[in-house]
Amino acid sequence: MLYKPRKTPKELIALLALEKRIAPTHPQYPLIYQEMYKMRAGFGGEQEYDRHMKEVRTDYPHAILHDLSLQQEGVYFQIDSLFIAPDAIIISEIKNRTGKIIIKANPTQFLQSMKESEPSLFRSPIDELERKRQLLERWLAQRNIMVPIQCITIFAHNNILEFSGKTEIPILTGYEAPIFFRGRETGPHLLDKRRIEKLAAALVQQDKPYPMRPLSTRFSIKKEELVKGVWCPECPEKTILYWRHQRWNCGRCSKTSLTEHETTIDEWFMLITPTITNKEFCEFTGLRDRHIAKRLLARSKVYRRGERAGSVYVPLKN
């Protein structure tokens, strides 16, 4: 049973917003586009894995949780996918790579082989999984849950996998994952259905993504270099909405909205600073009336901190 579906990563949402608000001629644009492309490809691979996992049916109770971000002893760790069975917890590390994947043993090495180029070495997912296994083990021990943790590596698409020696963990392609989970033999049952559900609920409750720095800081971009305005969500081309008759209006497609500024506020927090003032809201959205701005902020998913001229608005906590 699926207990936690995968959502679009906040960092990808932020990168898409930044790419839209920065000129293609900006010195940082190529780096931003590269990061956006890489993250979008990784997320696409994870979605492909999720589609395959919808086929999983078992005779025993289980829980599936995608994209968990946990914290243990002040250390954040992210798990691509987690499968809770009665006898074990299985961590999946999902990789989205093109071409043929060559896996060598003793020492373990992963190489990506593309046409007309030499194979290139990339970081071993087995090392990443071992770190996450140890952290999850300690997270569970603090809650008096003693269940073996197993690991698998998944290459999301139909890569050709070439093995040279035996690996210490299963390495599969995405379409093989459902077969793996359906066909695995369970050992002694340590968790019944109720305890699996309770553990899944606790993991969802403790899911806390790593705090993201505003991207303008990360890429050394001044806020003055960003395109301002509330974007029309319907127009395929970049179109700025204008405020008239108590709503946002699009001069191109005639769409109207009462709440489209909330997306713009979210983009401010992701791109510029974790707080916004009435004046900054006016400047970023193109509003000219601070009283209208105050009313819109009061209806948005923010809360006011401070009084009078020194007050700022911050995001509501989830």
C-alpha atoms as a PDB file:
ATOM      1  CA  MET A   1       0.000   0.000   0.000  1.00  0.00           C
ATOM      2  CA  LEU A   2       1.279   3.459  -0.894  1.00  0.00           C
ATOM      3  CA  TYR A   3       1.595   5.639   2.213  1.00  0.00           C
ATOM      4  CA  LYS A   4       3.597   8.515   0.769  1.00  0.00           C
ATOM      5  CA  PRO A   5       3.498   9.503  -2.906  1.00  0.00           C
ATOM      6  CA  ARG A   6       6.325  11.432  -4.506  1.00  0.00           C
ATOM      7  CA  LYS A   7       5.962  15.173  -4.997  1.00  0.00           C
ATOM      8  CA  THR A   8       7.853  17.505  -7.303  1.00  0.00           C
ATOM      9  CA  PRO A   9      11.032  18.492  -5.388  1.00  0.00           C
ATOM     10  CA  LYS A  10      10.921  22.027  -4.041  1.00  0.00           C
ATOM     11  CA  GLU A  11      14.385  22.684  -5.455  1.00  0.00           C
ATOM     12  CA  LEU A  12      13.165  21.763  -8.948  1.00  0.00           C
ATOM     13  CA  ILE A  13      10.172  24.096  -8.553  1.00  0.00           C
ATOM     14  CA  ALA A  14      12.591  26.843  -7.479  1.00  0.00           C
ATOM     15  CA  LEU A  15      14.950  26.205 -10.409  1.00  0.00           C
ATOM     16  CA  LEU A  16      12.047  26.349 -12.877  1.00  0.00           C
ATOM     17  CA  ALA A  17      10.939  29.650 -11.343  1.00  0.00           C
ATOM     18  CA  LEU A  18      14.469  31.053 -11.456  1.00  0.00           C
ATOM     19  CA  GLU A  19      15.015  30.000 -15.074  1.00  0.00           C
ATOM     20  CA  LYS A  20      11.827  31.856 -15.980  1.00  0.00           C
ATOM     21  CA  ARG A  21      12.841  35.027 -14.154  1.00  0.00           C
ATOM     22  CA  ILE A  22      16.421  35.379 -15.347  1.00  0.00           C
ATOM     23  CA  ALA A  23      17.676  36.533 -18.728  1.00  0.00           C
ATOM     24  CA  PRO A  24      19.276  33.842 -20.947  1.00  0.00           C
ATOM     25  CA  THR A  25      22.234  36.209 -21.326  1.00  0.00           C
ATOM     26  CA  HIS A  26      22.956  36.216 -17.580  1.00  0.00           C
ATOM     27  CA  PRO A  27      26.377  34.676 -16.757  1.00  0.00           C
ATOM     28  CA  GLN A  28      24.754  32.179 -14.364  1.00  0.00           C
ATOM     29  CA  TYR A  29      22.025  31.066 -16.777  1.00  0.00           C
ATOM     30  CA  PRO A  30      23.951  28.061 -18.245  1.00  0.00           C
ATOM     31  CA  LEU A  31      24.665  26.707 -14.750  1.00  0.00           C
ATOM     32  CA  ILE A  32      21.051  27.222 -13.652  1.00  0.00           C
ATOM     33  CA  TYR A  33      19.755  25.503 -16.789  1.00  0.00           C
ATOM     34  CA  GLN A  34      22.169  22.592 -16.303  1.00  0.00           C
ATOM     35  CA  GLU A  35      21.070  22.116 -12.680  1.00  0.00           C
ATOM     36  CA  MET A  36      17.406  22.324 -13.709  1.00  0.00           C
ATOM     37  CA  TYR A  37      17.892  19.785 -16.504  1.00  0.00           C
ATOM     38  CA  LYS A  38      19.753  17.358 -14.223  1.00  0.00           C
ATOM     39  CA  MET A  39      17.161  17.571 -11.455  1.00  0.00           C
ATOM     40  CA  ARG A  40      14.261  17.251 -13.891  1.00  0.00           C
ATOM     41  CA  ALA A  41      15.855  14.117 -15.388  1.00  0.00           C
ATOM     42  CA  GLY A  42      16.402  12.619 -11.929  1.00  0.00           C
ATOM     43  CA  PHE A  43      12.811  13.298 -10.931  1.00  0.00           C
ATOM     44  CA  GLY A  44      11.624  11.779 -14.207  1.00  0.00           C
ATOM     45  CA  GLY A  45      13.543   8.593 -13.411  1.00  0.00           C
ATOM     46  CA  GLU A  46      11.970   8.426  -9.963  1.00  0.00           C
ATOM     47  CA  GLN A  47       8.500   8.870 -11.456  1.00  0.00           C
ATOM     48  CA  GLU A  48       9.250   6.018 -13.871  1.00  0.00           C
ATOM     49  CA  TYR A  49      10.148   3.795 -10.906  1.00  0.00           C
ATOM     50  CA  ASP A  50       6.942   4.825  -9.113  1.00  0.00           C
ATOM     51  CA  ARG A  51       4.872   3.776 -12.131  1.00  0.00           C
ATOM     52  CA  HIS A  52       6.464   0.325 -12.069  1.00  0.00           C
ATOM     53  CA  MET A  53       5.877   0.010  -8.312  1.00  0.00           C
ATOM     54  CA  LYS A  54       2.123   0.417  -8.817  1.00  0.00           C
ATOM     55  CA  GLU A  55       2.208  -3.182 -10.082  1.00  0.00           C
ATOM     56  CA  VAL A  56       3.401  -4.552  -6.727  1.00  0.00           C
ATOM     57  CA  ARG A  57       0.928  -6.917  -5.116  1.00  0.00           C
ATOM     58  CA  THR A  58       1.974  -9.184  -2.229  1.00  0.00           C
ATOM     59  CA  ASP A  59       0.380 -11.822  -0.025  1.00  0.00           C
ATOM     60  CA  TYR A  60       1.751 -10.036   3.036  1.00  0.00           C
ATOM     61  CA  PRO A  61       1.039  -6.518   4.380  1.00  0.00           C
ATOM     62  CA  HIS A  62       3.478  -3.859   3.243  1.00  0.00           C
ATOM     63  CA  ALA A  63       3.932  -0.098   2.990  1.00  0.00           C
ATOM     64  CA  ILE A  64       5.600   1.953   0.246  1.00  0.00           C
ATOM     65  CA  LEU A  65       6.918   5.454   0.918  1.00  0.00           C
ATOM     66  CA  HIS A  66       8.551   7.575  -1.768  1.00  0.00           C
ATOM     67  CA  ASP A  67      11.009  10.432  -1.194  1.00  0.00           C
ATOM     68  CA  LEU A  68      11.583  10.474   2.557  1.00  0.00           C
ATOM     69  CA  SER A  69      13.731  13.175   4.148  1.00  0.00           C
ATOM     70  CA  LEU A  70      14.649  12.313   7.719  1.00  0.00           C
ATOM     71  CA  GLN A  71      16.935  13.748  10.345  1.00  0.00           C
ATOM     72  CA  GLN A  72      19.081  11.742  12.737  1.00  0.00           C
ATOM     73  CA  GLU A  73      21.432  13.333  15.274  1.00  0.00           C
ATOM     74  CA  GLY A  74      21.356  16.590  13.308  1.00  0.00           C
ATOM     75  CA  VAL A  75      22.148  14.872   9.992  1.00  0.00           C
ATOM     76  CA  TYR A  76      19.665  14.976   7.123  1.00  0.00           C
ATOM     77  CA  PHE A  77      19.359  11.967   4.841  1.00  0.00           C
ATOM     78  CA  GLN A  78      17.055  11.374   1.901  1.00  0.00           C
ATOM     79  CA  ILE A  79      15.646   8.003   0.836  1.00  0.00           C
ATOM     80  CA  ASP A  80      14.383   7.663  -2.726  1.00  0.00           C
ATOM     81  CA  SER A  81      11.926   4.892  -1.862  1.00  0.00           C
ATOM     82  CA  LEU A  82      11.227   2.728   1.181  1.00  0.00           C
ATOM     83  CA  PHE A  83       9.446  -0.635   1.293  1.00  0.00           C
ATOM     84  CA  ILE A  84       8.315  -1.951   4.691  1.00  0.00           C
ATOM     85  CA  ALA A  85       7.703  -5.719   4.779  1.00  0.00           C
ATOM     86  CA  PRO A  86       6.923  -7.888   7.828  1.00  0.00           C
ATOM     87  CA  ASP A  87      10.512  -9.162   7.966  1.00  0.00           C
ATOM     88  CA  ALA A  88      12.610  -6.241   6.684  1.00  0.00           C
ATOM     89  CA  ILE A  89      12.804  -2.662   5.479  1.00  0.00           C
ATOM     90  CA  ILE A  90      14.171  -2.202   1.972  1.00  0.00           C
ATOM     91  CA  ILE A  91      15.783   1.055   0.814  1.00  0.00           C
ATOM     92  CA  SER A  92      15.816   1.734  -2.942  1.00  0.00           C
ATOM     93  CA  GLU A  93      18.379   4.105  -4.441  1.00  0.00           C
ATOM     94  CA  ILE A  94      17.129   5.220  -7.864  1.00  0.00           C
ATOM     95  CA  LYS A  95      19.516   6.293 -10.606  1.00  0.00           C
ATOM     96  CA  ASN A  96      18.565   7.898 -13.899  1.00  0.00           C
ATOM     97  CA  ARG A  97      21.423   7.265 -16.318  1.00  0.00           C
ATOM     98  CA  THR A  98      21.450   6.711 -20.050  1.00  0.00           C
ATOM     99  CA  GLY A  99      23.529   4.201 -21.968  1.00  0.00           C
ATOM    100  CA  LYS A 100      25.060   0.956 -20.753  1.00  0.00           C
ATOM    101  CA  ILE A 101      25.987   0.648 -17.072  1.00  0.00           C
ATOM    102  CA  ILE A 102      29.083  -1.398 -16.260  1.00  0.00           C
ATOM    103  CA  ILE A 103      29.334  -2.667 -12.678  1.00  0.00           C
ATOM    104  CA  LYS A 104      32.689  -3.995 -11.519  1.00  0.00           C
ATOM    105  CA  ALA A 105      33.437  -5.760  -8.234  1.00  0.00           C
ATOM    106  CA  ASN A 106      36.503  -5.825  -5.955  1.00  0.00           C
ATOM    107  CA  PRO A 107      36.601  -2.863  -5.704  1.00  0.00           C
ATOM    108  CA  THR A 108      33.066  -1.923  -6.675  1.00  0.00           C
ATOM    109  CA  GLN A 109      32.947   0.577  -9.515  1.00  0.00           C
ATOM    110  CA  PHE A 110      30.094   1.970 -11.629  1.00  0.00           C
ATOM    111  CA  LEU A 111      30.769   3.196 -15.148  1.00  0.00           C
ATOM    112  CA  GLN A 112      28.474   4.771 -17.704  1.00  0.00           C
ATOM    113  CA  SER A 113      29.213   3.792 -21.289  1.00  0.00           C
ATOM    114  CA  MET A 114      27.906   5.980 -24.095  1.00  0.00           C
ATOM    115  CA  LYS A 115      28.320   5.510 -27.840  1.00  0.00           C
ATOM    116  CA  GLU A 116      31.573   6.809 -29.288  1.00  0.00           C
ATOM    117  CA  SER A 117      33.014   7.774 -25.889  1.00  0.00           C
ATOM    118  CA  GLU A 118      35.076   6.202 -23.151  1.00  0.00           C
ATOM    119  CA  PRO A 119      33.154   4.838 -20.121  1.00  0.00           C
ATOM    120  CA  SER A 120      32.993   7.396 -17.308  1.00  0.00           C
ATOM    121  CA  LEU A 121      33.159   6.554 -13.626  1.00  0.00           C
ATOM    122  CA  PHE A 122      30.383   7.808 -11.315  1.00  0.00           C
ATOM    123  CA  ARG A 123      29.826   7.683  -7.591  1.00  0.00           C
ATOM    124  CA  SER A 124      28.854   4.261  -6.286  1.00  0.00           C
ATOM    125  CA  PRO A 125      25.206   4.128  -5.178  1.00  0.00           C
ATOM    126  CA  ILE A 126      26.206   1.297  -2.845  1.00  0.00           C
ATOM    127  CA  ASP A 127      28.267   3.746  -0.772  1.00  0.00           C
ATOM    128  CA  GLU A 128      25.309   6.141  -0.648  1.00  0.00           C
ATOM    129  CA  LEU A 129      22.989   3.321   0.431  1.00  0.00           C
ATOM    130  CA  GLU A 130      25.320   2.210   3.224  1.00  0.00           C
ATOM    131  CA  ARG A 131      25.329   5.708   4.702  1.00  0.00           C
ATOM    132  CA  LYS A 132      21.531   5.873   4.588  1.00  0.00           C
ATOM    133  CA  ARG A 133      21.196   2.359   5.995  1.00  0.00           C
ATOM    134  CA  GLN A 134      23.310   3.269   9.021  1.00  0.00           C
ATOM    135  CA  LEU A 135      21.378   6.486   9.682  1.00  0.00           C
ATOM    136  CA  LEU A 136      17.999   4.777   9.299  1.00  0.00           C
ATOM    137  CA  GLU A 137      19.164   1.982  11.594  1.00  0.00           C
ATOM    138  CA  ARG A 138      19.925   4.522  14.330  1.00  0.00           C
ATOM    139  CA  TRP A 139      16.624   6.342  13.657  1.00  0.00           C
ATOM    140  CA  LEU A 140      14.728   3.083  14.172  1.00  0.00           C
ATOM    141  CA  ALA A 141      16.774   2.058  17.232  1.00  0.00           C
ATOM    142  CA  GLN A 142      15.816   5.300  18.987  1.00  0.00           C
ATOM    143  CA  ARG A 143      12.214   4.130  18.621  1.00  0.00           C
ATOM    144  CA  ASN A 144      12.985   0.575  19.754  1.00  0.00           C
ATOM    145  CA  ILE A 145      12.343  -0.854  16.289  1.00  0.00           C
ATOM    146  CA  MET A 146      14.757  -3.657  15.449  1.00  0.00           C
ATOM    147  CA  VAL A 147      14.175  -4.747  11.872  1.00  0.00           C
ATOM    148  CA  PRO A 148      16.837  -5.740   9.314  1.00  0.00           C
ATOM    149  CA  ILE A 149      17.464  -3.118   6.623  1.00  0.00           C
ATOM    150  CA  GLN A 150      18.186  -4.266   3.094  1.00  0.00           C
ATOM    151  CA  CYS A 151      19.243  -2.159   0.103  1.00  0.00           C
ATOM    152  CA  ILE A 152      18.789  -2.275  -3.656  1.00  0.00           C
ATOM    153  CA  THR A 153      19.915  -0.030  -6.499  1.00  0.00           C
ATOM    154  CA  ILE A 154      17.474   0.715  -9.314  1.00  0.00           C
ATOM    155  CA  PHE A 155      18.361   2.097 -12.734  1.00  0.00           C
ATOM    156  CA  ALA A 156      15.090   3.739 -13.635  1.00  0.00           C
ATOM    157  CA  HIS A 157      15.068   3.076 -17.364  1.00  0.00           C
ATOM    158  CA  ASN A 158      15.799  -0.008 -19.428  1.00  0.00           C
ATOM    159  CA  ASN A 159      19.575   0.266 -19.244  1.00  0.00           C
ATOM    160  CA  ILE A 160      21.816  -2.581 -20.317  1.00  0.00           C
ATOM    161  CA  LEU A 161      23.538  -3.707 -17.116  1.00  0.00           C
ATOM    162  CA  GLU A 162      26.890  -5.432 -17.528  1.00  0.00           C
ATOM    163  CA  PHE A 163      28.296  -7.139 -14.435  1.00  0.00           C
ATOM    164  CA  SER A 164      31.898  -8.088 -13.775  1.00  0.00           C
ATOM    165  CA  GLY A 165      31.749 -10.057 -10.543  1.00  0.00           C
ATOM    166  CA  LYS A 166      29.068 -10.360  -7.884  1.00  0.00           C
ATOM    167  CA  THR A 167      27.779  -7.227  -6.119  1.00  0.00           C
ATOM    168  CA  GLU A 168      26.871  -7.088  -2.447  1.00  0.00           C
ATOM    169  CA  ILE A 169      23.343  -5.767  -3.095  1.00  0.00           C
ATOM    170  CA  PRO A 170      20.782  -6.392  -5.869  1.00  0.00           C
ATOM    171  CA  ILE A 171      21.078  -4.034  -8.853  1.00  0.00           C
ATOM    172  CA  LEU A 172      18.015  -3.919 -11.096  1.00  0.00           C
ATOM    173  CA  THR A 173      16.318  -1.941 -13.833  1.00  0.00           C
ATOM    174  CA  GLY A 174      13.024  -0.199 -13.116  1.00  0.00           C
ATOM    175  CA  TYR A 175      10.792  -2.773 -14.790  1.00  0.00           C
ATOM    176  CA  GLU A 176      12.436  -5.565 -12.733  1.00  0.00           C
ATOM    177  CA  ALA A 177      11.566  -3.904  -9.403  1.00  0.00           C
ATOM    178  CA  PRO A 178       7.949  -5.185  -9.154  1.00  0.00           C
ATOM    179  CA  ILE A 179       9.164  -8.728  -9.915  1.00  0.00           C
ATOM    180  CA  PHE A 180      11.760  -8.400  -7.162  1.00  0.00           C
ATOM    181  CA  PHE A 181       9.222  -7.309  -4.538  1.00  0.00           C
ATOM    182  CA  ARG A 182       6.513  -9.744  -5.614  1.00  0.00           C
ATOM    183  CA  GLY A 183       8.912 -12.672  -5.696  1.00  0.00           C
ATOM    184  CA  ARG A 184      10.955 -12.103  -2.537  1.00  0.00           C
ATOM    185  CA  GLU A 185      10.589 -14.725   0.180  1.00  0.00           C
ATOM    186  CA  THR A 186       9.930 -13.260   3.601  1.00  0.00           C
ATOM    187  CA  GLY A 187      11.772 -14.369   6.694  1.00  0.00           C
ATOM    188  CA  PRO A 188      10.308 -14.496  10.217  1.00  0.00           C
ATOM    189  CA  HIS A 189       7.640 -11.813  10.577  1.00  0.00           C
ATOM    190  CA  LEU A 190       8.771  -9.087  12.969  1.00  0.00           C
ATOM    191  CA  LEU A 191       6.066  -6.573  12.057  1.00  0.00           C
ATOM    192  CA  ASP A 192       2.364  -7.263  11.732  1.00  0.00           C
ATOM    193  CA  LYS A 193      -0.039  -5.132   9.684  1.00  0.00           C
ATOM    194  CA  ARG A 194      -0.753  -2.734  12.556  1.00  0.00           C
ATOM    195  CA  ARG A 195       2.942  -2.139  13.307  1.00  0.00           C
ATOM    196  CA  ILE A 196       3.736  -1.613   9.632  1.00  0.00           C
ATOM    197  CA  GLU A 197       0.992   1.018   9.449  1.00  0.00           C
ATOM    198  CA  LYS A 198       2.216   2.654  12.658  1.00  0.00           C
ATOM    199  CA  LEU A 199       5.817   2.793  11.408  1.00  0.00           C
ATOM    200  CA  ALA A 200       4.735   4.184   8.030  1.00  0.00           C
ATOM    201  CA  ALA A 201       2.704   6.905   9.765  1.00  0.00           C
ATOM    202  CA  ALA A 202       5.679   7.816  11.991  1.00  0.00           C
ATOM    203  CA  LEU A 203       7.980   8.101   8.972  1.00  0.00           C
ATOM    204  CA  VAL A 204       5.518  10.371   7.165  1.00  0.00           C
ATOM    205  CA  GLN A 205       5.168  12.527  10.280  1.00  0.00           C
ATOM    206  CA  GLN A 206       8.957  12.861  10.627  1.00  0.00           C
ATOM    207  CA  ASP A 207       9.498  13.670   6.936  1.00  0.00           C
ATOM    208  CA  LYS A 208      11.306  17.012   6.982  1.00  0.00           C
ATOM    209  CA  PRO A 209      13.021  18.166   3.793  1.00  0.00           C
ATOM    210  CA  TYR A 210      16.395  19.826   4.181  1.00  0.00           C
ATOM    211  CA  PRO A 211      15.954  23.628   4.454  1.00  0.00           C
ATOM    212  CA  MET A 212      16.704  25.186   1.076  1.00  0.00           C
ATOM    213  CA  ARG A 213      18.701  28.383   0.772  1.00  0.00           C
ATOM    214  CA  PRO A 214      17.170  31.029  -1.522  1.00  0.00           C
ATOM    215  CA  LEU A 215      18.609  30.371  -4.974  1.00  0.00           C
ATOM    216  CA  SER A 216      19.710  33.964  -5.515  1.00  0.00           C
ATOM    217  CA  THR A 217      22.197  33.405  -2.682  1.00  0.00           C
ATOM    218  CA  ARG A 218      23.354  30.080  -4.070  1.00  0.00           C
ATOM    219  CA  PHE A 219      23.919  31.467  -7.579  1.00  0.00           C
ATOM    220  CA  SER A 220      25.043  34.978  -6.489  1.00  0.00           C
ATOM    221  CA  ILE A 221      22.176  36.754  -8.259  1.00  0.00           C
ATOM    222  CA  LYS A 222      20.874  40.181  -7.250  1.00  0.00           C
ATOM    223  CA  LYS A 223      17.110  40.527  -6.896  1.00  0.00           C
ATOM    224  CA  GLU A 224      17.239  43.466  -9.307  1.00  0.00           C
ATOM    225  CA  GLU A 225      18.360  40.987 -12.000  1.00  0.00           C
ATOM    226  CA  LEU A 226      15.143  38.976 -11.753  1.00  0.00           C
ATOM    227  CA  VAL A 227      12.103  39.629 -13.946  1.00  0.00           C
ATOM    228  CA  LYS A 228       9.260  40.919 -11.770  1.00  0.00           C
ATOM    229  CA  GLY A 229       5.534  40.309 -12.034  1.00  0.00           C
ATOM    230  CA  VAL A 230       2.773  37.741 -11.519  1.00  0.00           C
ATOM    231  CA  TRP A 231       2.908  35.171 -14.327  1.00  0.00           C
ATOM    232  CA  CYS A 232      -0.147  33.922 -16.194  1.00  0.00           C
ATOM    233  CA  PRO A 233      -0.329  30.141 -15.568  1.00  0.00           C
ATOM    234  CA  GLU A 234      -2.270  29.493 -18.784  1.00  0.00           C
ATOM    235  CA  CYS A 235      -0.259  31.280 -21.465  1.00  0.00           C
ATOM    236  CA  PRO A 236       2.534  29.192 -23.053  1.00  0.00           C
ATOM    237  CA  GLU A 237       4.577  32.371 -23.473  1.00  0.00           C
ATOM    238  CA  LYS A 238       5.726  34.476 -20.532  1.00  0.00           C
ATOM    239  CA  THR A 239       2.860  36.871 -19.812  1.00  0.00           C
ATOM    240  CA  ILE A 240       2.524  39.208 -16.829  1.00  0.00           C
ATOM    241  CA  LEU A 241      -0.857  39.658 -15.165  1.00  0.00           C
ATOM    242  CA  TYR A 242      -2.140  43.080 -14.120  1.00  0.00           C
ATOM    243  CA  TRP A 243      -4.415  43.972 -11.177  1.00  0.00           C
ATOM    244  CA  ARG A 244      -7.781  45.447 -12.089  1.00  0.00           C
ATOM    245  CA  HIS A 245     -11.355  45.140 -10.786  1.00  0.00           C
ATOM    246  CA  GLN A 246     -10.220  43.293  -7.645  1.00  0.00           C
ATOM    247  CA  ARG A 247      -8.493  40.487  -9.504  1.00  0.00           C
ATOM    248  CA  TRP A 248      -5.490  39.540 -11.612  1.00  0.00           C
ATOM    249  CA  ASN A 249      -6.094  39.791 -15.346  1.00  0.00           C
ATOM    250  CA  CYS A 250      -4.265  38.482 -18.388  1.00  0.00           C
ATOM    251  CA  GLY A 251      -4.287  40.718 -21.447  1.00  0.00           C
ATOM    252  CA  ARG A 252      -3.388  37.798 -23.721  1.00  0.00           C
ATOM    253  CA  CYS A 253      -5.739  34.914 -22.815  1.00  0.00           C
ATOM    254  CA  SER A 254      -8.284  36.860 -20.669  1.00  0.00           C
ATOM    255  CA  LYS A 255      -7.778  34.574 -17.660  1.00  0.00           C
ATOM    256  CA  THR A 256      -8.633  36.119 -14.292  1.00  0.00           C
ATOM    257  CA  SER A 257      -7.573  35.024 -10.827  1.00  0.00           C
ATOM    258  CA  LEU A 258      -7.939  36.094  -7.210  1.00  0.00           C
ATOM    259  CA  THR A 259      -4.979  34.119  -5.854  1.00  0.00           C
ATOM    260  CA  GLU A 260      -2.263  33.922  -8.520  1.00  0.00           C
ATOM    261  CA  HIS A 261      -0.049  36.258  -6.458  1.00  0.00           C
ATOM    262  CA  GLU A 262       0.418  33.416  -3.939  1.00  0.00           C
ATOM    263  CA  THR A 263       2.629  31.570  -6.433  1.00  0.00           C
ATOM    264  CA  THR A 264       4.682  34.755  -6.804  1.00  0.00           C
ATOM    265  CA  ILE A 265       5.091  35.003  -3.017  1.00  0.00           C
ATOM    266  CA  ASP A 266       6.308  31.383  -2.928  1.00  0.00           C
ATOM    267  CA  GLU A 267       8.817  32.210  -5.662  1.00  0.00           C
ATOM    268  CA  TRP A 268      10.081  35.189  -3.652  1.00  0.00           C
ATOM    269  CA  PHE A 269      10.742  32.931  -0.650  1.00  0.00           C
ATOM    270  CA  MET A 270      12.484  30.297  -2.799  1.00  0.00           C
ATOM    271  CA  LEU A 271      14.544  32.757  -4.805  1.00  0.00           C
ATOM    272  CA  ILE A 272      15.271  35.841  -2.706  1.00  0.00           C
ATOM    273  CA  THR A 273      14.701  35.851   1.084  1.00  0.00           C
ATOM    274  CA  PRO A 274      12.572  33.883   3.604  1.00  0.00           C
ATOM    275  CA  THR A 275      10.688  37.090   4.519  1.00  0.00           C
ATOM    276  CA  ILE A 276       8.825  39.715   2.497  1.00  0.00           C
ATOM    277  CA  THR A 277       7.582  43.203   3.340  1.00  0.00           C
ATOM    278  CA  ASN A 278       4.554  45.001   1.957  1.00  0.00           C
ATOM    279  CA  LYS A 279       6.857  47.228  -0.093  1.00  0.00           C
ATOM    280  CA  GLU A 280       8.796  44.267  -1.507  1.00  0.00           C
ATOM    281  CA  PHE A 281       5.529  42.523  -2.360  1.00  0.00           C
ATOM    282  CA  CYS A 282       4.379  45.606  -4.293  1.00  0.00           C
ATOM    283  CA  GLU A 283       7.668  45.861  -6.172  1.00  0.00           C
ATOM    284  CA  PHE A 284       7.822  42.157  -7.048  1.00  0.00           C
ATOM    285  CA  THR A 285       4.199  41.837  -8.198  1.00  0.00           C
ATOM    286  CA  GLY A 286       3.830  45.258  -9.826  1.00  0.00           C
ATOM    287  CA  LEU A 287       1.106  46.468  -7.465  1.00  0.00           C
ATOM    288  CA  ARG A 288       1.002  50.211  -6.871  1.00  0.00           C
ATOM    289  CA  ASP A 289      -1.378  50.333  -3.909  1.00  0.00           C
ATOM    290  CA  ARG A 290       0.091  49.214  -0.567  1.00  0.00           C
ATOM    291  CA  HIS A 291      -3.417  48.898   0.932  1.00  0.00           C
ATOM    292  CA  ILE A 292      -4.415  46.371  -1.739  1.00  0.00           C
ATOM    293  CA  ALA A 293      -1.103  44.613  -1.093  1.00  0.00           C
ATOM    294  CA  LYS A 294      -1.873  44.422   2.623  1.00  0.00           C
ATOM    295  CA  ARG A 295      -5.280  42.840   1.945  1.00  0.00           C
ATOM    296  CA  LEU A 296      -3.809  40.310  -0.467  1.00  0.00           C
ATOM    297  CA  LEU A 297      -1.053  39.356   1.968  1.00  0.00           C
ATOM    298  CA  ALA A 298      -3.639  38.928   4.729  1.00  0.00           C
ATOM    299  CA  ARG A 299      -5.469  36.378   2.533  1.00  0.00           C
ATOM    300  CA  SER A 300      -2.306  34.514   1.543  1.00  0.00           C
ATOM    301  CA  LYS A 301      -0.490  31.587   3.150  1.00  0.00           C
ATOM    302  CA  VAL A 302       1.778  33.836   5.205  1.00  0.00           C
ATOM    303  CA  TYR A 303       1.646  35.362   8.645  1.00  0.00           C
ATOM    304  CA  ARG A 304       2.715  38.781   9.802  1.00  0.00           C
ATOM    305  CA  ARG A 305       5.611  39.119  12.207  1.00  0.00           C
ATOM    306  CA  GLY A 306       6.304  42.418  13.929  1.00  0.00           C
ATOM    307  CA  GLU A 307       4.377  45.671  14.040  1.00  0.00           C
ATOM    308  CA  ARG A 308       3.942  48.702  11.817  1.00  0.00           C
ATOM    309  CA  ALA A 309       6.851  49.704   9.552  1.00  0.00           C
ATOM    310  CA  GLY A 310       9.112  46.946  10.800  1.00  0.00           C
ATOM    311  CA  SER A 311       6.682  44.089  10.100  1.00  0.00           C
ATOM    312  CA  VAL A 312       7.486  41.312   7.661  1.00  0.00           C
ATOM    313  CA  TYR A 313       5.568  38.318   6.304  1.00  0.00           C
ATOM    314  CA  VAL A 314       6.877  34.766   6.535  1.00  0.00           C
ATOM    315  CA  PRO A 315       5.516  31.463   5.186  1.00  0.00           C
ATOM    316  CA  LEU A 316       2.974  29.520   7.208  1.00  0.00           C
ATOM    317  CA  LYS A 317       4.527  26.357   8.598  1.00  0.00           C
ATOM    318  CA  ASN A 318       3.161  23.109   7.171  1.00  0.00           C
END
